[in-house]
Structure formats: C-alpha cells, structure tokens
Protein backbone atom coordinates (compact mmCIF):
# COMPACT_ATOMS: atom_id res chain seq x y z
CA UNK A 1 0.01 -0.10 -0.02
CA UNK A 2 2.80 2.09 1.04
CA UNK A 3 4.55 1.92 -2.62
CA UNK A 4 0.58 2.28 -4.23
CA UNK A 5 0.75 5.42 -3.03
CA UNK A 6 3.97 6.77 -3.28
CA UNK A 7 3.77 5.85 -6.74
CA UNK A 8 1.05 7.99 -7.21
CA UNK A 9 2.30 10.89 -5.95
CA UNK A 10 5.03 10.31 -8.29
CA UNK A 11 2.48 10.21 -11.07
CA UNK A 12 0.74 13.45 -10.14
CA UNK A 13 3.97 14.83 -10.56
CA UNK A 14 4.75 14.26 -13.82
CA UNK A 15 1.07 15.21 -14.85
CA UNK A 16 1.68 18.41 -13.05
CA UNK A 17 5.39 18.90 -14.85
CA UNK A 18 3.54 18.10 -18.40
CA UNK A 19 1.15 20.73 -17.98
CA UNK A 20 3.84 23.99 -18.57
CA UNK A 21 5.50 23.69 -21.49
CA UNK A 22 9.37 24.02 -21.97
CA UNK A 23 12.79 22.64 -21.04
CA UNK A 24 11.89 23.01 -17.90
CA UNK A 25 8.81 20.43 -17.78
CA UNK A 26 11.28 17.64 -19.54
CA UNK A 27 13.65 18.10 -16.99
CA UNK A 28 11.07 18.08 -14.22
CA UNK A 29 9.45 15.66 -15.61
CA UNK A 30 13.01 13.12 -15.99
CA UNK A 31 13.29 13.96 -12.21
CA UNK A 32 9.75 12.49 -11.04
CA UNK A 33 10.55 9.76 -13.01
CA UNK A 34 13.83 8.73 -11.75
CA UNK A 35 12.36 9.47 -8.38
CA UNK A 36 9.17 6.90 -9.35
CA UNK A 37 11.98 4.27 -10.13
CA UNK A 38 13.72 4.42 -7.13
CA UNK A 39 11.10 4.29 -5.15
CA UNK A 40 10.12 1.17 -7.20
CA UNK A 41 14.24 -0.24 -6.58
CA UNK A 42 14.30 0.53 -3.14
CA UNK A 43 10.85 -1.54 -2.43
CA UNK A 44 12.17 -4.93 -4.34
CA UNK A 45 15.91 -3.92 -2.08
CA UNK A 46 13.95 -3.82 1.09
CA UNK A 47 11.98 -6.80 0.71
CA UNK A 48 15.02 -9.13 0.32
CA UNK A 49 16.35 -9.38 3.71
CA UNK A 50 13.11 -10.89 4.49
CA UNK A 51 13.22 -13.13 1.78
CA UNK A 52 16.32 -14.44 3.01
CA UNK A 53 14.58 -14.35 6.59
CA UNK A 54 11.76 -16.07 5.73
CA UNK A 55 14.29 -19.29 3.53
CA UNK A 56 16.68 -19.69 7.45
CA UNK A 57 13.26 -19.97 9.16
CA UNK A 58 12.26 -22.22 6.33
CA UNK A 59 15.52 -24.93 6.04
CA UNK A 60 14.65 -28.21 7.22
CA UNK A 61 17.03 -30.16 9.26
CA UNK A 62 18.18 -27.54 11.80
CA UNK A 63 16.40 -26.45 15.10
CA UNK A 64 14.90 -23.08 15.62
CA UNK A 65 17.99 -22.12 17.92
CA UNK A 66 20.28 -22.43 15.36
CA UNK A 67 18.21 -20.78 12.48
CA UNK A 68 17.81 -17.53 15.38
CA UNK A 69 21.87 -17.85 15.73
CA UNK A 70 22.28 -17.51 11.57
CA UNK A 71 19.82 -14.56 11.72
CA UNK A 72 21.71 -12.66 13.95
CA UNK A 73 24.99 -13.59 12.21
CA UNK A 74 23.96 -11.98 9.15
C-alpha cells in the first residue's frame, strides 16, 4: 500500500510537470520518473532481507535456536 501511494504521488507530479510547456518541464518530468524508479527499486531491495529470513526459517533439518543464531549473524 505504501508503494502504491508513493507511485500515485509520483504520477501526479508527472502530470503536473507535463502541463506547462518548456524545457524545465522535461527536466522536472525526468526527475519525477527517476524518483518513481528509485521508489520501486528501494521497495524490491527492502524485500530481499525478508526473503532471506524466510529461507533460513524454513530450512529443514535444523532447530529454531540454530536458525535464530544464523539470522543474528547475518
């Protein structure tokens, strides 16, 4: 939900930047697109530790204590 909200704000900024004509509008539009891309990138990067944590927790053959030590060591 947070990502969707951030992207909606970015899309509003794109629409607002596209309304006035001129060279400054294209610079502002590219900056907003850059911000939207970085928002998506950061959301995927922030999901990676959760995926690694789930993998450690679901590893079979080890008990929960060993899994917790491995997670704390990372």
